[in-house]
Amino acid sequence: MTSAGRIQIRSDGVSVRVRLTPKGGRDTVEGWDTDSAGASHLKARVRAAPEGGKANAALVDLIAKILDVSRSSIAIASGEKARLKVVAITGDTSALAAKLDSIGMAK
């Protein structure tokens, strides 16, 4: 893990925890945040409603755009129906970790 446990390094890429707010008015990653247990996660919001996987698809699109990777390299590893998800991203581990590390703290 890097950056105080924010990013988990895997053999084929990285994974991160994401707290998603569907119907959030805009598609954006607000930055890193910490929950009450001290675990780090990215805060993200999307305009899509959480119906039929639309919010998850919007999250995949958003992360692909921010990290400049293909949609096919991103998967919801766990938490498909929950606000807190684990997102797996395949690709160059060091490049992905650097891009994720550069995202600031949520306000």
N, C-alpha and C. Protein backbone atom coordinates (compact mmCIF):
# COMPACT_ATOMS: atom_id res chain seq x y z
N MET A 1 0.84 -1.18 0.00
CA MET A 1 0.00 0.00 0.00
C MET A 1 0.88 1.24 0.00
N THR A 2 0.37 2.30 -0.57
CA THR A 2 1.10 3.56 -0.60
C THR A 2 0.26 4.65 0.04
N SER A 3 0.89 5.76 0.30
CA SER A 3 0.21 6.94 0.83
C SER A 3 -0.74 6.60 1.97
N ALA A 4 -0.17 6.10 3.03
CA ALA A 4 -0.93 5.78 4.25
C ALA A 4 -2.10 4.85 3.97
N GLY A 5 -1.89 3.87 3.07
CA GLY A 5 -2.92 2.87 2.82
C GLY A 5 -3.99 3.26 1.84
N ARG A 6 -3.83 4.36 1.15
CA ARG A 6 -4.83 4.80 0.18
C ARG A 6 -4.94 3.86 -1.00
N ILE A 7 -3.79 3.41 -1.50
CA ILE A 7 -3.73 2.65 -2.75
C ILE A 7 -3.16 1.28 -2.47
N GLN A 8 -3.86 0.25 -2.90
CA GLN A 8 -3.35 -1.11 -2.75
C GLN A 8 -2.71 -1.53 -4.07
N ILE A 9 -1.45 -1.90 -4.00
CA ILE A 9 -0.72 -2.34 -5.18
C ILE A 9 -1.04 -3.82 -5.41
N ARG A 10 -1.40 -4.16 -6.66
CA ARG A 10 -1.69 -5.54 -7.03
C ARG A 10 -0.71 -5.95 -8.12
N SER A 11 -0.68 -7.20 -8.46
CA SER A 11 0.26 -7.68 -9.47
C SER A 11 -0.02 -7.10 -10.85
N ASP A 12 -1.29 -6.77 -11.14
CA ASP A 12 -1.64 -6.27 -12.46
C ASP A 12 -2.11 -4.82 -12.46
N GLY A 13 -1.95 -4.12 -11.34
CA GLY A 13 -2.39 -2.73 -11.26
C GLY A 13 -2.57 -2.30 -9.82
N VAL A 14 -3.63 -1.53 -9.58
CA VAL A 14 -3.90 -1.01 -8.23
C VAL A 14 -5.38 -1.15 -7.92
N SER A 15 -5.71 -0.99 -6.66
CA SER A 15 -7.12 -0.88 -6.27
C SER A 15 -7.24 0.21 -5.21
N VAL A 16 -8.38 0.86 -5.21
CA VAL A 16 -8.67 1.93 -4.26
C VAL A 16 -10.09 1.80 -3.77
N ARG A 17 -10.30 2.30 -2.58
CA ARG A 17 -11.67 2.39 -2.05
C ARG A 17 -12.26 3.71 -2.52
N VAL A 18 -13.53 3.67 -2.93
CA VAL A 18 -14.21 4.87 -3.41
C VAL A 18 -15.56 4.97 -2.72
N ARG A 19 -15.86 6.15 -2.19
CA ARG A 19 -17.19 6.40 -1.63
C ARG A 19 -17.95 7.20 -2.69
N LEU A 20 -18.96 6.58 -3.27
CA LEU A 20 -19.70 7.16 -4.39
C LEU A 20 -21.02 7.76 -3.93
N THR A 21 -21.27 8.98 -4.40
CA THR A 21 -22.56 9.62 -4.17
C THR A 21 -23.27 9.71 -5.51
N PRO A 22 -24.27 8.86 -5.73
CA PRO A 22 -25.05 8.94 -6.98
C PRO A 22 -26.00 10.13 -6.91
N LYS A 23 -26.49 10.55 -8.07
CA LYS A 23 -27.37 11.73 -8.16
C LYS A 23 -26.74 12.91 -7.44
N GLY A 24 -25.42 13.08 -7.63
CA GLY A 24 -24.66 14.12 -6.94
C GLY A 24 -24.59 15.44 -7.67
N GLY A 25 -25.31 15.60 -8.78
CA GLY A 25 -25.37 16.87 -9.46
C GLY A 25 -24.29 17.09 -10.50
N ARG A 26 -23.17 16.42 -10.37
CA ARG A 26 -22.07 16.53 -11.35
C ARG A 26 -21.18 15.31 -11.23
N ASP A 27 -20.37 15.10 -12.24
CA ASP A 27 -19.42 13.98 -12.23
C ASP A 27 -18.06 14.51 -11.83
N THR A 28 -17.59 14.14 -10.64
CA THR A 28 -16.31 14.64 -10.16
C THR A 28 -15.74 13.74 -9.08
N VAL A 29 -14.42 13.76 -8.98
CA VAL A 29 -13.73 13.16 -7.84
C VAL A 29 -13.34 14.33 -6.95
N GLU A 30 -13.84 14.33 -5.73
CA GLU A 30 -13.62 15.45 -4.83
C GLU A 30 -12.29 15.38 -4.10
N GLY A 31 -11.69 14.19 -4.05
CA GLY A 31 -10.40 14.04 -3.40
C GLY A 31 -10.42 12.92 -2.37
N TRP A 32 -9.30 12.80 -1.67
CA TRP A 32 -9.15 11.77 -0.64
C TRP A 32 -9.81 12.20 0.65
N ASP A 33 -10.40 11.24 1.35
CA ASP A 33 -11.03 11.49 2.64
C ASP A 33 -10.75 10.29 3.53
N THR A 34 -11.03 10.44 4.81
CA THR A 34 -10.82 9.37 5.77
C THR A 34 -12.11 9.15 6.53
N ASP A 35 -12.50 7.89 6.71
CA ASP A 35 -13.73 7.59 7.46
C ASP A 35 -13.44 7.58 8.96
N SER A 36 -14.45 7.34 9.75
CA SER A 36 -14.32 7.37 11.21
C SER A 36 -13.37 6.30 11.75
N ALA A 37 -13.15 5.24 10.97
CA ALA A 37 -12.23 4.18 11.39
C ALA A 37 -10.79 4.47 10.95
N GLY A 38 -10.60 5.58 10.23
CA GLY A 38 -9.26 5.95 9.78
C GLY A 38 -8.87 5.40 8.43
N ALA A 39 -9.79 4.77 7.72
CA ALA A 39 -9.50 4.21 6.40
C ALA A 39 -9.68 5.29 5.33
N SER A 40 -8.74 5.37 4.40
CA SER A 40 -8.79 6.36 3.33
C SER A 40 -9.63 5.86 2.16
N HIS A 41 -10.26 6.81 1.49
CA HIS A 41 -11.03 6.49 0.29
C HIS A 41 -11.14 7.75 -0.56
N LEU A 42 -11.40 7.57 -1.84
CA LEU A 42 -11.69 8.68 -2.72
C LEU A 42 -13.17 9.02 -2.60
N LYS A 43 -13.47 10.30 -2.56
CA LYS A 43 -14.86 10.74 -2.59
C LYS A 43 -15.20 11.10 -4.02
N ALA A 44 -16.24 10.48 -4.55
CA ALA A 44 -16.66 10.76 -5.92
C ALA A 44 -18.16 10.96 -5.95
N ARG A 45 -18.59 11.75 -6.92
CA ARG A 45 -20.04 11.93 -7.14
C ARG A 45 -20.31 11.88 -8.63
N VAL A 46 -21.46 11.33 -8.96
CA VAL A 46 -21.89 11.25 -10.36
C VAL A 46 -23.34 11.70 -10.46
N ARG A 47 -23.71 12.17 -11.64
CA ARG A 47 -25.09 12.60 -11.88
C ARG A 47 -26.05 11.43 -11.98
N ALA A 48 -25.56 10.29 -12.41
CA ALA A 48 -26.41 9.12 -12.67
C ALA A 48 -27.06 8.60 -11.39
N ALA A 49 -28.25 8.06 -11.57
CA ALA A 49 -28.98 7.44 -10.47
C ALA A 49 -28.46 6.02 -10.25
N PRO A 50 -28.62 5.50 -9.03
CA PRO A 50 -28.15 4.15 -8.74
C PRO A 50 -29.15 3.08 -9.18
N GLU A 51 -29.54 3.14 -10.44
CA GLU A 51 -30.51 2.20 -10.98
C GLU A 51 -29.89 1.45 -12.14
N GLY A 52 -29.96 0.14 -12.11
CA GLY A 52 -29.47 -0.66 -13.22
C GLY A 52 -27.99 -0.51 -13.51
N GLY A 53 -27.21 -0.17 -12.50
CA GLY A 53 -25.77 -0.05 -12.68
C GLY A 53 -25.32 1.25 -13.33
N LYS A 54 -26.24 2.22 -13.50
CA LYS A 54 -25.88 3.48 -14.16
C LYS A 54 -24.85 4.28 -13.37
N ALA A 55 -24.98 4.33 -12.06
CA ALA A 55 -24.02 5.08 -11.25
C ALA A 55 -22.65 4.42 -11.29
N ASN A 56 -22.60 3.10 -11.25
CA ASN A 56 -21.32 2.39 -11.34
C ASN A 56 -20.66 2.63 -12.70
N ALA A 57 -21.44 2.61 -13.77
CA ALA A 57 -20.90 2.87 -15.11
C ALA A 57 -20.36 4.29 -15.20
N ALA A 58 -21.08 5.24 -14.60
CA ALA A 58 -20.61 6.63 -14.60
C ALA A 58 -19.31 6.76 -13.80
N LEU A 59 -19.20 6.01 -12.70
CA LEU A 59 -17.97 6.03 -11.91
C LEU A 59 -16.80 5.48 -12.72
N VAL A 60 -17.01 4.39 -13.44
CA VAL A 60 -15.96 3.82 -14.28
C VAL A 60 -15.54 4.84 -15.34
N ASP A 61 -16.50 5.51 -15.98
CA ASP A 61 -16.18 6.54 -16.97
C ASP A 61 -15.36 7.67 -16.35
N LEU A 62 -15.76 8.10 -15.17
CA LEU A 62 -15.08 9.20 -14.48
C LEU A 62 -13.64 8.83 -14.13
N ILE A 63 -13.43 7.66 -13.57
CA ILE A 63 -12.08 7.24 -13.19
C ILE A 63 -11.21 7.05 -14.43
N ALA A 64 -11.79 6.50 -15.49
CA ALA A 64 -11.04 6.33 -16.74
C ALA A 64 -10.57 7.67 -17.27
N LYS A 65 -11.43 8.66 -17.21
CA LYS A 65 -11.08 10.00 -17.69
C LYS A 65 -9.98 10.62 -16.83
N ILE A 66 -10.12 10.53 -15.52
CA ILE A 66 -9.15 11.14 -14.61
C ILE A 66 -7.78 10.49 -14.73
N LEU A 67 -7.75 9.17 -14.85
CA LEU A 67 -6.48 8.45 -14.90
C LEU A 67 -5.96 8.26 -16.32
N ASP A 68 -6.75 8.67 -17.32
CA ASP A 68 -6.39 8.53 -18.72
C ASP A 68 -6.10 7.06 -19.07
N VAL A 69 -7.05 6.21 -18.73
CA VAL A 69 -6.97 4.79 -19.04
C VAL A 69 -8.27 4.37 -19.72
N SER A 70 -8.29 3.20 -20.30
CA SER A 70 -9.51 2.72 -20.95
C SER A 70 -10.51 2.25 -19.91
N ARG A 71 -11.78 2.32 -20.27
CA ARG A 71 -12.84 1.85 -19.39
C ARG A 71 -12.67 0.37 -19.08
N SER A 72 -12.17 -0.39 -20.05
CA SER A 72 -12.03 -1.83 -19.86
C SER A 72 -10.97 -2.20 -18.83
N SER A 73 -10.13 -1.27 -18.44
CA SER A 73 -9.10 -1.55 -17.43
C SER A 73 -9.60 -1.29 -16.01
N ILE A 74 -10.86 -0.90 -15.89
CA ILE A 74 -11.43 -0.57 -14.58
C ILE A 74 -12.59 -1.51 -14.27
N ALA A 75 -12.61 -2.01 -13.03
CA ALA A 75 -13.70 -2.89 -12.60
C ALA A 75 -14.08 -2.57 -11.17
N ILE A 76 -15.37 -2.70 -10.87
CA ILE A 76 -15.83 -2.60 -9.49
C ILE A 76 -15.56 -3.96 -8.87
N ALA A 77 -14.54 -4.03 -8.01
CA ALA A 77 -14.14 -5.31 -7.42
C ALA A 77 -15.07 -5.75 -6.31
N SER A 78 -15.61 -4.80 -5.56
CA SER A 78 -16.59 -5.12 -4.53
C SER A 78 -17.41 -3.89 -4.22
N GLY A 79 -18.60 -4.12 -3.68
CA GLY A 79 -19.48 -3.02 -3.29
C GLY A 79 -20.33 -2.48 -4.42
N GLU A 80 -20.68 -3.32 -5.38
CA GLU A 80 -21.47 -2.85 -6.52
C GLU A 80 -22.76 -2.15 -6.12
N LYS A 81 -23.38 -2.60 -5.05
CA LYS A 81 -24.65 -2.01 -4.63
C LYS A 81 -24.50 -1.15 -3.38
N ALA A 82 -23.26 -0.87 -2.99
CA ALA A 82 -23.00 -0.06 -1.79
C ALA A 82 -22.37 1.26 -2.18
N ARG A 83 -22.43 2.22 -1.29
CA ARG A 83 -21.75 3.50 -1.55
C ARG A 83 -20.24 3.34 -1.51
N LEU A 84 -19.74 2.51 -0.60
CA LEU A 84 -18.31 2.29 -0.49
C LEU A 84 -17.93 1.10 -1.36
N LYS A 85 -17.07 1.34 -2.33
CA LYS A 85 -16.70 0.33 -3.31
C LYS A 85 -15.19 0.16 -3.32
N VAL A 86 -14.75 -0.96 -3.84
CA VAL A 86 -13.33 -1.16 -4.15
C VAL A 86 -13.26 -1.21 -5.67
N VAL A 87 -12.43 -0.32 -6.22
CA VAL A 87 -12.27 -0.23 -7.66
C VAL A 87 -10.88 -0.73 -8.03
N ALA A 88 -10.82 -1.70 -8.93
CA ALA A 88 -9.55 -2.27 -9.40
C ALA A 88 -9.23 -1.67 -10.76
N ILE A 89 -7.98 -1.25 -10.92
CA ILE A 89 -7.53 -0.64 -12.17
C ILE A 89 -6.29 -1.39 -12.63
N THR A 90 -6.35 -1.96 -13.82
CA THR A 90 -5.19 -2.67 -14.34
C THR A 90 -4.34 -1.71 -15.18
N GLY A 91 -3.04 -1.96 -15.16
CA GLY A 91 -2.13 -1.12 -15.93
C GLY A 91 -0.81 -0.96 -15.21
N ASP A 92 -0.05 0.04 -15.63
CA ASP A 92 1.26 0.34 -15.07
C ASP A 92 1.09 0.79 -13.62
N THR A 93 1.50 -0.06 -12.70
CA THR A 93 1.28 0.17 -11.27
C THR A 93 1.85 1.50 -10.80
N SER A 94 3.08 1.80 -11.16
CA SER A 94 3.70 3.03 -10.66
C SER A 94 3.03 4.27 -11.24
N ALA A 95 2.66 4.24 -12.52
CA ALA A 95 1.99 5.39 -13.14
C ALA A 95 0.61 5.61 -12.52
N LEU A 96 -0.14 4.53 -12.33
CA LEU A 96 -1.47 4.65 -11.72
C LEU A 96 -1.38 5.17 -10.30
N ALA A 97 -0.43 4.63 -9.52
CA ALA A 97 -0.26 5.07 -8.13
C ALA A 97 0.13 6.53 -8.08
N ALA A 98 0.99 6.98 -8.98
CA ALA A 98 1.41 8.38 -9.00
C ALA A 98 0.22 9.30 -9.31
N LYS A 99 -0.59 8.92 -10.28
CA LYS A 99 -1.76 9.74 -10.63
C LYS A 99 -2.75 9.79 -9.47
N LEU A 100 -2.98 8.65 -8.83
CA LEU A 100 -3.90 8.62 -7.69
C LEU A 100 -3.35 9.41 -6.52
N ASP A 101 -2.03 9.31 -6.28
CA ASP A 101 -1.40 10.06 -5.20
C ASP A 101 -1.52 11.57 -5.41
N SER A 102 -1.56 11.99 -6.66
CA SER A 102 -1.59 13.43 -6.95
C SER A 102 -2.96 14.06 -6.69
N ILE A 103 -3.97 13.25 -6.49
CA ILE A 103 -5.31 13.79 -6.18
C ILE A 103 -5.27 14.33 -4.76
N GLY A 104 -5.76 15.53 -4.61
CA GLY A 104 -5.71 16.21 -3.30
C GLY A 104 -6.73 15.67 -2.32
N MET A 105 -6.74 16.27 -1.15
CA MET A 105 -7.68 15.91 -0.10
C MET A 105 -9.05 16.54 -0.40
N ALA A 106 -10.10 15.86 -0.01
CA ALA A 106 -11.46 16.37 -0.18
C ALA A 106 -11.67 17.54 0.76
N LYS A 107 -12.50 18.44 0.34
CA LYS A 107 -12.79 19.62 1.17
C LYS A 107 -14.03 19.41 1.99
